[in-house]
């Protein structure tokens, strides 16, 4: 029973991280979509959005692994 509770806590923690990443992605995307395509600012914002997506994927995979 303790192991199940520990696993549930781990999954809950990972889900919270995914939710946090989604919030970060949303705010970065909002800033990105108003920029002019191809500018330095646009490229930098694209890089930040891509990093946020990668973090989200990593956190999602951790949550999936914790639920196994």
N, C-alpha and C. Protein backbone atom coordinates (compact mmCIF):
# COMPACT_ATOMS: atom_id res chain seq x y z
N UNK A 1 0.82 -1.19 0.00
CA UNK A 1 0.00 0.00 0.00
C UNK A 1 0.87 1.26 0.00
N UNK A 2 1.97 1.24 0.73
CA UNK A 2 2.86 2.39 0.78
C UNK A 2 3.48 2.66 -0.59
N UNK A 3 3.80 1.60 -1.30
CA UNK A 3 4.38 1.76 -2.64
C UNK A 3 3.37 2.40 -3.59
N UNK A 4 2.13 1.99 -3.50
CA UNK A 4 1.08 2.56 -4.33
C UNK A 4 0.91 4.05 -4.04
N UNK A 5 0.92 4.40 -2.76
CA UNK A 5 0.79 5.80 -2.36
C UNK A 5 1.98 6.61 -2.88
N UNK A 6 3.17 6.05 -2.80
CA UNK A 6 4.37 6.72 -3.29
C UNK A 6 4.29 6.93 -4.80
N UNK A 7 3.85 5.91 -5.52
CA UNK A 7 3.70 6.02 -6.98
C UNK A 7 2.66 7.08 -7.34
N UNK A 8 1.57 7.12 -6.60
CA UNK A 8 0.54 8.11 -6.85
C UNK A 8 1.07 9.53 -6.61
N UNK A 9 1.85 9.70 -5.57
CA UNK A 9 2.46 11.00 -5.29
C UNK A 9 3.42 11.41 -6.40
N UNK A 10 4.19 10.45 -6.91
CA UNK A 10 5.11 10.74 -8.02
C UNK A 10 4.37 11.16 -9.28
N UNK A 11 3.29 10.46 -9.58
CA UNK A 11 2.50 10.80 -10.76
C UNK A 11 1.89 12.19 -10.58
N UNK A 12 1.36 12.46 -9.41
CA UNK A 12 0.76 13.76 -9.14
C UNK A 12 1.79 14.88 -9.32
N UNK A 13 2.99 14.67 -8.84
CA UNK A 13 4.05 15.65 -8.98
C UNK A 13 4.39 15.89 -10.45
N UNK A 14 4.48 14.84 -11.21
CA UNK A 14 4.79 14.97 -12.64
C UNK A 14 3.66 15.67 -13.40
N UNK A 15 2.42 15.39 -13.04
CA UNK A 15 1.29 16.06 -13.68
C UNK A 15 1.34 17.56 -13.39
N UNK A 16 1.70 17.92 -12.19
CA UNK A 16 1.83 19.34 -11.85
C UNK A 16 2.92 20.01 -12.67
N UNK A 17 4.02 19.30 -12.90
CA UNK A 17 5.10 19.84 -13.73
C UNK A 17 4.63 20.02 -15.17
N UNK A 18 3.86 19.08 -15.69
CA UNK A 18 3.33 19.18 -17.05
C UNK A 18 2.39 20.39 -17.14
N UNK A 19 1.53 20.56 -16.15
CA UNK A 19 0.63 21.70 -16.15
C UNK A 19 1.40 23.01 -16.12
N UNK A 20 2.44 23.07 -15.34
CA UNK A 20 3.28 24.26 -15.27
C UNK A 20 3.93 24.53 -16.62
N UNK A 21 4.41 23.49 -17.28
CA UNK A 21 5.01 23.64 -18.60
C UNK A 21 3.99 24.14 -19.62
N UNK A 22 2.77 23.64 -19.53
CA UNK A 22 1.71 24.11 -20.44
C UNK A 22 1.44 25.59 -20.24
N UNK A 23 1.43 26.04 -19.00
CA UNK A 23 1.23 27.46 -18.72
C UNK A 23 2.37 28.28 -19.32
N UNK A 24 3.60 27.81 -19.15
CA UNK A 24 4.75 28.50 -19.71
C UNK A 24 4.71 28.53 -21.23
N UNK A 25 4.31 27.43 -21.82
CA UNK A 25 4.21 27.35 -23.27
C UNK A 25 3.16 28.33 -23.78
N UNK A 26 2.05 28.40 -23.13
CA UNK A 26 0.98 29.30 -23.54
C UNK A 26 1.43 30.75 -23.54
N UNK A 27 2.12 31.17 -22.48
CA UNK A 27 2.57 32.56 -22.42
C UNK A 27 3.65 32.85 -23.45
N UNK A 28 4.55 31.91 -23.69
CA UNK A 28 5.58 32.10 -24.70
C UNK A 28 4.98 32.14 -26.11
N UNK A 29 3.99 31.30 -26.35
CA UNK A 29 3.33 31.29 -27.66
C UNK A 29 2.59 32.60 -27.89
N UNK A 30 1.92 33.11 -26.87
CA UNK A 30 1.21 34.38 -27.02
C UNK A 30 2.16 35.49 -27.45
N UNK A 31 3.34 35.54 -26.86
CA UNK A 31 4.34 36.55 -27.23
C UNK A 31 4.87 36.27 -28.63
N UNK A 32 5.06 35.03 -28.97
CA UNK A 32 5.61 34.63 -30.27
C UNK A 32 4.70 34.99 -31.43
N UNK A 33 3.42 34.75 -31.27
CA UNK A 33 2.50 34.91 -32.41
C UNK A 33 2.35 36.35 -32.87
N UNK A 34 2.73 37.32 -32.03
CA UNK A 34 2.62 38.72 -32.41
C UNK A 34 3.88 39.27 -33.07
N UNK A 35 4.90 38.44 -33.22
CA UNK A 35 6.16 38.90 -33.80
C UNK A 35 6.16 38.75 -35.32
N UNK A 36 7.02 39.52 -35.96
CA UNK A 36 7.15 39.46 -37.42
C UNK A 36 8.04 38.29 -37.81
N UNK A 37 7.51 37.47 -38.73
CA UNK A 37 8.21 36.28 -39.18
C UNK A 37 9.62 36.62 -39.68
N UNK A 38 10.59 35.83 -39.23
CA UNK A 38 11.95 35.94 -39.73
C UNK A 38 12.84 36.92 -39.01
N UNK A 39 12.28 37.74 -38.12
CA UNK A 39 13.11 38.70 -37.39
C UNK A 39 13.92 37.99 -36.31
N UNK A 40 14.89 38.69 -35.79
CA UNK A 40 15.71 38.12 -34.70
C UNK A 40 14.83 37.81 -33.50
N UNK A 41 13.92 38.72 -33.18
CA UNK A 41 13.02 38.49 -32.05
C UNK A 41 12.15 37.27 -32.28
N UNK A 42 11.68 37.09 -33.52
CA UNK A 42 10.85 35.94 -33.86
C UNK A 42 11.65 34.65 -33.69
N UNK A 43 12.90 34.64 -34.16
CA UNK A 43 13.74 33.43 -34.03
C UNK A 43 14.02 33.11 -32.57
N UNK A 44 14.29 34.13 -31.78
CA UNK A 44 14.55 33.90 -30.35
C UNK A 44 13.30 33.36 -29.65
N UNK A 45 12.14 33.92 -29.99
CA UNK A 45 10.89 33.44 -29.39
C UNK A 45 10.58 32.02 -29.84
N UNK A 46 10.87 31.72 -31.10
CA UNK A 46 10.67 30.35 -31.60
C UNK A 46 11.54 29.37 -30.84
N UNK A 47 12.78 29.76 -30.60
CA UNK A 47 13.69 28.92 -29.83
C UNK A 47 13.13 28.67 -28.42
N UNK A 48 12.61 29.71 -27.78
CA UNK A 48 12.04 29.56 -26.45
C UNK A 48 10.80 28.66 -26.46
N UNK A 49 9.94 28.82 -27.46
CA UNK A 49 8.75 27.97 -27.57
C UNK A 49 9.18 26.52 -27.78
N UNK A 50 10.15 26.30 -28.65
CA UNK A 50 10.62 24.93 -28.89
C UNK A 50 11.21 24.31 -27.63
N UNK A 51 11.96 25.08 -26.86
CA UNK A 51 12.51 24.57 -25.60
C UNK A 51 11.40 24.21 -24.62
N UNK A 52 10.38 25.02 -24.58
CA UNK A 52 9.25 24.76 -23.68
C UNK A 52 8.52 23.48 -24.10
N UNK A 53 8.37 23.29 -25.40
CA UNK A 53 7.74 22.06 -25.90
C UNK A 53 8.59 20.85 -25.53
N UNK A 54 9.90 20.96 -25.69
CA UNK A 54 10.79 19.84 -25.33
C UNK A 54 10.68 19.52 -23.84
N UNK A 55 10.63 20.54 -23.00
CA UNK A 55 10.45 20.33 -21.57
C UNK A 55 9.13 19.62 -21.29
N UNK A 56 8.09 20.02 -21.99
CA UNK A 56 6.79 19.39 -21.82
C UNK A 56 6.84 17.92 -22.21
N UNK A 57 7.47 17.62 -23.31
CA UNK A 57 7.62 16.22 -23.75
C UNK A 57 8.40 15.42 -22.72
N UNK A 58 9.49 15.98 -22.23
CA UNK A 58 10.30 15.29 -21.22
C UNK A 58 9.48 15.01 -19.96
N UNK A 59 8.74 16.01 -19.51
CA UNK A 59 7.93 15.84 -18.29
C UNK A 59 6.81 14.84 -18.52
N UNK A 60 6.22 14.85 -19.72
CA UNK A 60 5.17 13.89 -20.02
C UNK A 60 5.72 12.47 -19.99
N UNK A 61 6.90 12.28 -20.56
CA UNK A 61 7.51 10.95 -20.54
C UNK A 61 7.82 10.49 -19.11
N UNK A 62 8.28 11.40 -18.26
CA UNK A 62 8.53 11.05 -16.87
C UNK A 62 7.25 10.63 -16.17
N UNK A 63 6.15 11.37 -16.44
CA UNK A 63 4.88 11.04 -15.81
C UNK A 63 4.38 9.68 -16.30
N UNK A 64 4.58 9.41 -17.58
CA UNK A 64 4.16 8.11 -18.12
C UNK A 64 4.97 6.98 -17.50
N UNK A 65 6.27 7.20 -17.32
CA UNK A 65 7.13 6.19 -16.72
C UNK A 65 6.75 5.95 -15.26
N UNK A 66 6.40 7.01 -14.56
CA UNK A 66 6.05 6.89 -13.15
C UNK A 66 4.75 6.13 -12.96
N UNK A 67 3.88 6.16 -13.95
CA UNK A 67 2.59 5.47 -13.82
C UNK A 67 2.69 3.99 -14.13
N UNK A 68 3.82 3.54 -14.68
CA UNK A 68 3.99 2.10 -15.01
C UNK A 68 4.24 1.27 -13.80
